[in-house]
């Protein structure tokens, strides 16, 4: 089944602008995020800022907390590693 979802061009422009503003002018982006919006462009700016913040925070996480589908290993020491520690 095909999904035909059309995004409002004003919302899309606002989303992209909000993302870029959050990247280069975070103080301005914060002020814009506090506006009580009814305009699709302002809502898009606010959500673009939220997306930037979400991605930026994810980059700061240590590797073992990042979502990496290729890495399904547990980060607890194996039993063999614990035995070697006890022997020393």
N, C-alpha and C. Protein backbone atom coordinates (compact mmCIF):
# COMPACT_ATOMS: atom_id res chain seq x y z
N UNK A 1 0.84 -1.17 0.00
CA UNK A 1 0.00 0.00 0.00
C UNK A 1 0.90 1.24 0.00
N UNK A 2 0.59 2.16 -0.87
CA UNK A 2 1.38 3.39 -0.97
C UNK A 2 0.89 4.42 0.03
N UNK A 3 1.86 5.14 0.57
CA UNK A 3 1.52 6.21 1.49
C UNK A 3 1.74 7.54 0.80
N UNK A 4 0.70 8.29 0.62
CA UNK A 4 0.82 9.60 -0.01
C UNK A 4 0.63 10.66 1.05
N UNK A 5 1.72 11.04 1.67
CA UNK A 5 1.65 12.10 2.66
C UNK A 5 2.33 13.32 2.08
N UNK A 6 1.59 14.40 2.07
CA UNK A 6 2.13 15.66 1.56
C UNK A 6 2.48 16.55 2.74
N UNK A 7 3.69 17.05 2.72
CA UNK A 7 4.15 17.94 3.77
C UNK A 7 3.96 19.37 3.29
N UNK A 8 3.39 20.18 4.15
CA UNK A 8 3.18 21.59 3.85
C UNK A 8 4.53 22.24 3.55
N UNK A 9 4.66 22.90 2.40
CA UNK A 9 5.95 23.53 2.05
C UNK A 9 6.41 24.56 3.08
N UNK A 10 5.46 25.29 3.70
CA UNK A 10 5.83 26.24 4.74
C UNK A 10 6.42 25.52 5.96
N UNK A 11 5.83 24.39 6.32
CA UNK A 11 6.35 23.61 7.44
C UNK A 11 7.76 23.13 7.13
N UNK A 12 7.97 22.61 5.93
CA UNK A 12 9.28 22.09 5.54
C UNK A 12 10.34 23.18 5.56
N UNK A 13 10.00 24.35 5.03
CA UNK A 13 10.95 25.48 5.06
C UNK A 13 11.26 25.87 6.50
N UNK A 14 10.25 25.90 7.34
CA UNK A 14 10.45 26.23 8.74
C UNK A 14 11.30 25.19 9.46
N UNK A 15 11.05 23.92 9.17
CA UNK A 15 11.82 22.84 9.80
C UNK A 15 13.30 22.98 9.45
N UNK A 16 13.58 23.16 8.17
CA UNK A 16 14.98 23.29 7.74
C UNK A 16 15.62 24.55 8.33
N UNK A 17 14.88 25.64 8.35
CA UNK A 17 15.41 26.88 8.93
C UNK A 17 15.65 26.71 10.43
N UNK A 18 14.74 26.07 11.12
CA UNK A 18 14.89 25.84 12.56
C UNK A 18 16.10 24.98 12.87
N UNK A 19 16.34 23.99 12.05
CA UNK A 19 17.51 23.12 12.23
C UNK A 19 18.80 23.93 12.08
N UNK A 20 18.86 24.73 11.03
CA UNK A 20 20.07 25.52 10.76
C UNK A 20 20.26 26.61 11.82
N UNK A 21 19.18 27.25 12.22
CA UNK A 21 19.28 28.29 13.25
C UNK A 21 19.76 27.67 14.56
N UNK A 22 19.26 26.49 14.90
CA UNK A 22 19.71 25.82 16.13
C UNK A 22 21.19 25.48 16.06
N UNK A 23 21.67 25.20 14.87
CA UNK A 23 23.08 24.84 14.69
C UNK A 23 23.99 26.06 14.85
N UNK A 24 23.60 27.19 14.29
CA UNK A 24 24.48 28.35 14.25
C UNK A 24 24.11 29.47 15.21
N UNK A 25 22.85 29.55 15.59
CA UNK A 25 22.37 30.60 16.50
C UNK A 25 21.47 29.98 17.57
N UNK A 26 22.04 29.22 18.50
CA UNK A 26 21.21 28.50 19.47
C UNK A 26 20.36 29.42 20.36
N UNK A 27 20.85 30.62 20.67
CA UNK A 27 20.07 31.53 21.51
C UNK A 27 18.79 31.97 20.78
N UNK A 28 18.93 32.29 19.53
CA UNK A 28 17.77 32.68 18.73
C UNK A 28 16.80 31.52 18.58
N UNK A 29 17.33 30.33 18.36
CA UNK A 29 16.48 29.14 18.22
C UNK A 29 15.69 28.89 19.50
N UNK A 30 16.33 29.12 20.64
CA UNK A 30 15.62 28.93 21.91
C UNK A 30 14.47 29.92 22.05
N UNK A 31 14.72 31.17 21.67
CA UNK A 31 13.66 32.18 21.73
C UNK A 31 12.51 31.82 20.80
N UNK A 32 12.84 31.35 19.60
CA UNK A 32 11.80 30.97 18.65
C UNK A 32 11.00 29.77 19.16
N UNK A 33 11.64 28.90 19.91
CA UNK A 33 10.95 27.71 20.40
C UNK A 33 9.90 28.05 21.46
N UNK A 34 9.99 29.23 22.05
CA UNK A 34 9.06 29.62 23.10
C UNK A 34 7.83 30.34 22.57
N UNK A 35 7.79 30.56 21.27
CA UNK A 35 6.63 31.21 20.66
C UNK A 35 5.47 30.24 20.64
N UNK A 36 4.30 30.72 21.02
CA UNK A 36 3.11 29.89 20.91
C UNK A 36 2.65 29.96 19.47
N UNK A 37 2.89 28.88 18.75
CA UNK A 37 2.75 28.89 17.30
C UNK A 37 1.40 28.40 16.82
N UNK A 38 0.96 29.02 15.75
CA UNK A 38 -0.19 28.53 15.01
C UNK A 38 0.18 28.39 13.54
N UNK A 39 1.28 29.01 13.16
CA UNK A 39 1.75 28.98 11.78
C UNK A 39 2.53 27.69 11.52
N UNK A 40 2.30 27.04 10.38
CA UNK A 40 3.06 25.83 10.06
C UNK A 40 4.57 26.08 10.00
N UNK A 41 4.96 27.28 9.56
CA UNK A 41 6.39 27.57 9.48
C UNK A 41 7.02 27.65 10.87
N UNK A 42 6.36 28.28 11.81
CA UNK A 42 6.89 28.38 13.17
C UNK A 42 6.92 27.01 13.84
N UNK A 43 5.88 26.23 13.64
CA UNK A 43 5.86 24.87 14.19
C UNK A 43 7.02 24.06 13.60
N UNK A 44 7.25 24.21 12.31
CA UNK A 44 8.36 23.53 11.66
C UNK A 44 9.70 23.97 12.23
N UNK A 45 9.85 25.28 12.50
CA UNK A 45 11.10 25.78 13.09
C UNK A 45 11.33 25.16 14.47
N UNK A 46 10.28 25.08 15.24
CA UNK A 46 10.41 24.52 16.58
C UNK A 46 10.78 23.04 16.52
N UNK A 47 10.17 22.32 15.60
CA UNK A 47 10.47 20.90 15.49
C UNK A 47 11.84 20.65 14.84
N UNK A 48 12.27 21.54 13.97
CA UNK A 48 13.61 21.46 13.40
C UNK A 48 14.65 21.65 14.48
N UNK A 49 14.42 22.59 15.39
CA UNK A 49 15.33 22.80 16.53
C UNK A 49 15.37 21.55 17.40
N UNK A 50 14.21 20.97 17.69
CA UNK A 50 14.16 19.76 18.52
C UNK A 50 14.94 18.62 17.87
N UNK A 51 14.83 18.50 16.55
CA UNK A 51 15.55 17.45 15.84
C UNK A 51 17.06 17.68 15.94
N UNK A 52 17.50 18.92 15.78
CA UNK A 52 18.92 19.22 15.89
C UNK A 52 19.43 18.87 17.29
N UNK A 53 18.69 19.26 18.31
CA UNK A 53 19.10 18.98 19.68
C UNK A 53 19.19 17.47 19.92
N UNK A 54 18.20 16.73 19.42
CA UNK A 54 18.19 15.28 19.60
C UNK A 54 19.44 14.66 18.94
N UNK A 55 19.76 15.08 17.74
CA UNK A 55 20.92 14.54 17.03
C UNK A 55 22.22 14.97 17.71
N UNK A 56 22.26 16.20 18.17
CA UNK A 56 23.47 16.73 18.79
C UNK A 56 23.76 16.00 20.10
N UNK A 57 22.73 15.72 20.88
CA UNK A 57 22.92 15.00 22.13
C UNK A 57 23.36 13.57 21.88
N UNK A 58 22.85 12.98 20.82
CA UNK A 58 23.21 11.60 20.49
C UNK A 58 24.69 11.50 20.13
N UNK A 59 25.24 12.54 19.50
CA UNK A 59 26.66 12.54 19.14
C UNK A 59 27.55 12.59 20.38
N UNK A 60 27.07 13.18 21.45
CA UNK A 60 27.87 13.32 22.67
C UNK A 60 27.86 12.05 23.51
N UNK A 61 26.97 11.11 23.22
CA UNK A 61 26.91 9.89 24.00
C UNK A 61 28.14 9.04 23.77
N UNK A 62 28.55 8.28 24.77
CA UNK A 62 29.64 7.33 24.53
C UNK A 62 29.18 6.26 23.54
N UNK A 63 30.12 5.65 22.87
CA UNK A 63 29.78 4.69 21.82
C UNK A 63 28.88 3.56 22.31
N UNK A 64 29.06 3.13 23.53
CA UNK A 64 28.26 2.01 23.99
C UNK A 64 26.81 2.37 24.25
N UNK A 65 26.49 3.66 24.29
CA UNK A 65 25.10 4.09 24.46
C UNK A 65 24.43 4.46 23.14
N UNK A 66 25.22 4.63 22.10
CA UNK A 66 24.64 4.99 20.82
C UNK A 66 23.93 3.80 20.21
N UNK A 67 22.88 4.07 19.46
CA UNK A 67 22.16 3.01 18.76
C UNK A 67 22.98 2.58 17.57
N UNK A 68 23.58 1.43 17.67
CA UNK A 68 24.38 0.90 16.58
C UNK A 68 23.87 -0.50 16.27
N UNK A 69 23.12 -0.68 15.18
CA UNK A 69 22.54 -1.99 14.88
C UNK A 69 23.58 -3.07 14.62
N UNK A 70 24.80 -2.71 14.24
CA UNK A 70 25.84 -3.70 13.97
C UNK A 70 26.52 -4.17 15.24
N UNK A 71 26.26 -3.51 16.34
CA UNK A 71 26.92 -3.84 17.58
C UNK A 71 25.88 -4.27 18.60
N UNK A 72 25.68 -5.56 18.75
CA UNK A 72 24.71 -6.08 19.69
C UNK A 72 25.38 -6.73 20.89
N UNK A 73 26.61 -6.36 21.15
CA UNK A 73 27.36 -6.96 22.24
C UNK A 73 27.00 -6.28 23.55
N UNK A 74 27.01 -7.07 24.59
CA UNK A 74 26.83 -6.54 25.91
C UNK A 74 28.17 -5.99 26.40
N UNK A 75 28.13 -4.95 27.17
CA UNK A 75 29.37 -4.32 27.61
C UNK A 75 29.73 -4.72 29.03
N UNK A 76 29.25 -5.88 29.46
CA UNK A 76 29.67 -6.39 30.75
C UNK A 76 30.83 -7.34 30.52
N UNK A 77 31.76 -7.39 31.44
CA UNK A 77 32.91 -8.29 31.26
C UNK A 77 32.44 -9.74 31.22
N UNK A 78 33.11 -10.51 30.41
CA UNK A 78 32.74 -11.92 30.31
C UNK A 78 33.25 -12.67 31.54
N UNK A 79 32.78 -13.89 31.73
CA UNK A 79 33.19 -14.68 32.89
C UNK A 79 34.69 -14.97 32.83
N UNK A 80 35.23 -15.18 31.65
CA UNK A 80 36.66 -15.44 31.52
C UNK A 80 37.47 -14.23 31.97
N UNK A 81 37.02 -13.05 31.65
CA UNK A 81 37.73 -11.85 32.07
C UNK A 81 37.71 -11.72 33.59
N UNK A 82 36.58 -12.07 34.20
CA UNK A 82 36.48 -12.00 35.66
C UNK A 82 37.43 -13.00 36.31
N UNK A 83 37.61 -14.19 35.72
CA UNK A 83 38.52 -15.20 36.27
C UNK A 83 39.95 -14.69 36.23
N UNK A 84 40.33 -14.03 35.15
CA UNK A 84 41.68 -13.54 35.05
C UNK A 84 41.94 -12.43 36.07
N UNK A 85 40.97 -11.64 36.35
CA UNK A 85 41.11 -10.58 37.35
C UNK A 85 41.31 -11.20 38.72
N UNK A 86 40.54 -12.27 39.04
CA UNK A 86 40.65 -12.92 40.33
C UNK A 86 42.02 -13.58 40.52
N UNK A 87 42.60 -14.12 39.45
CA UNK A 87 43.89 -14.80 39.53
C UNK A 87 45.02 -13.84 39.84
N UNK A 88 44.90 -12.63 39.39
CA UNK A 88 45.96 -11.65 39.62
C UNK A 88 45.90 -11.21 41.02
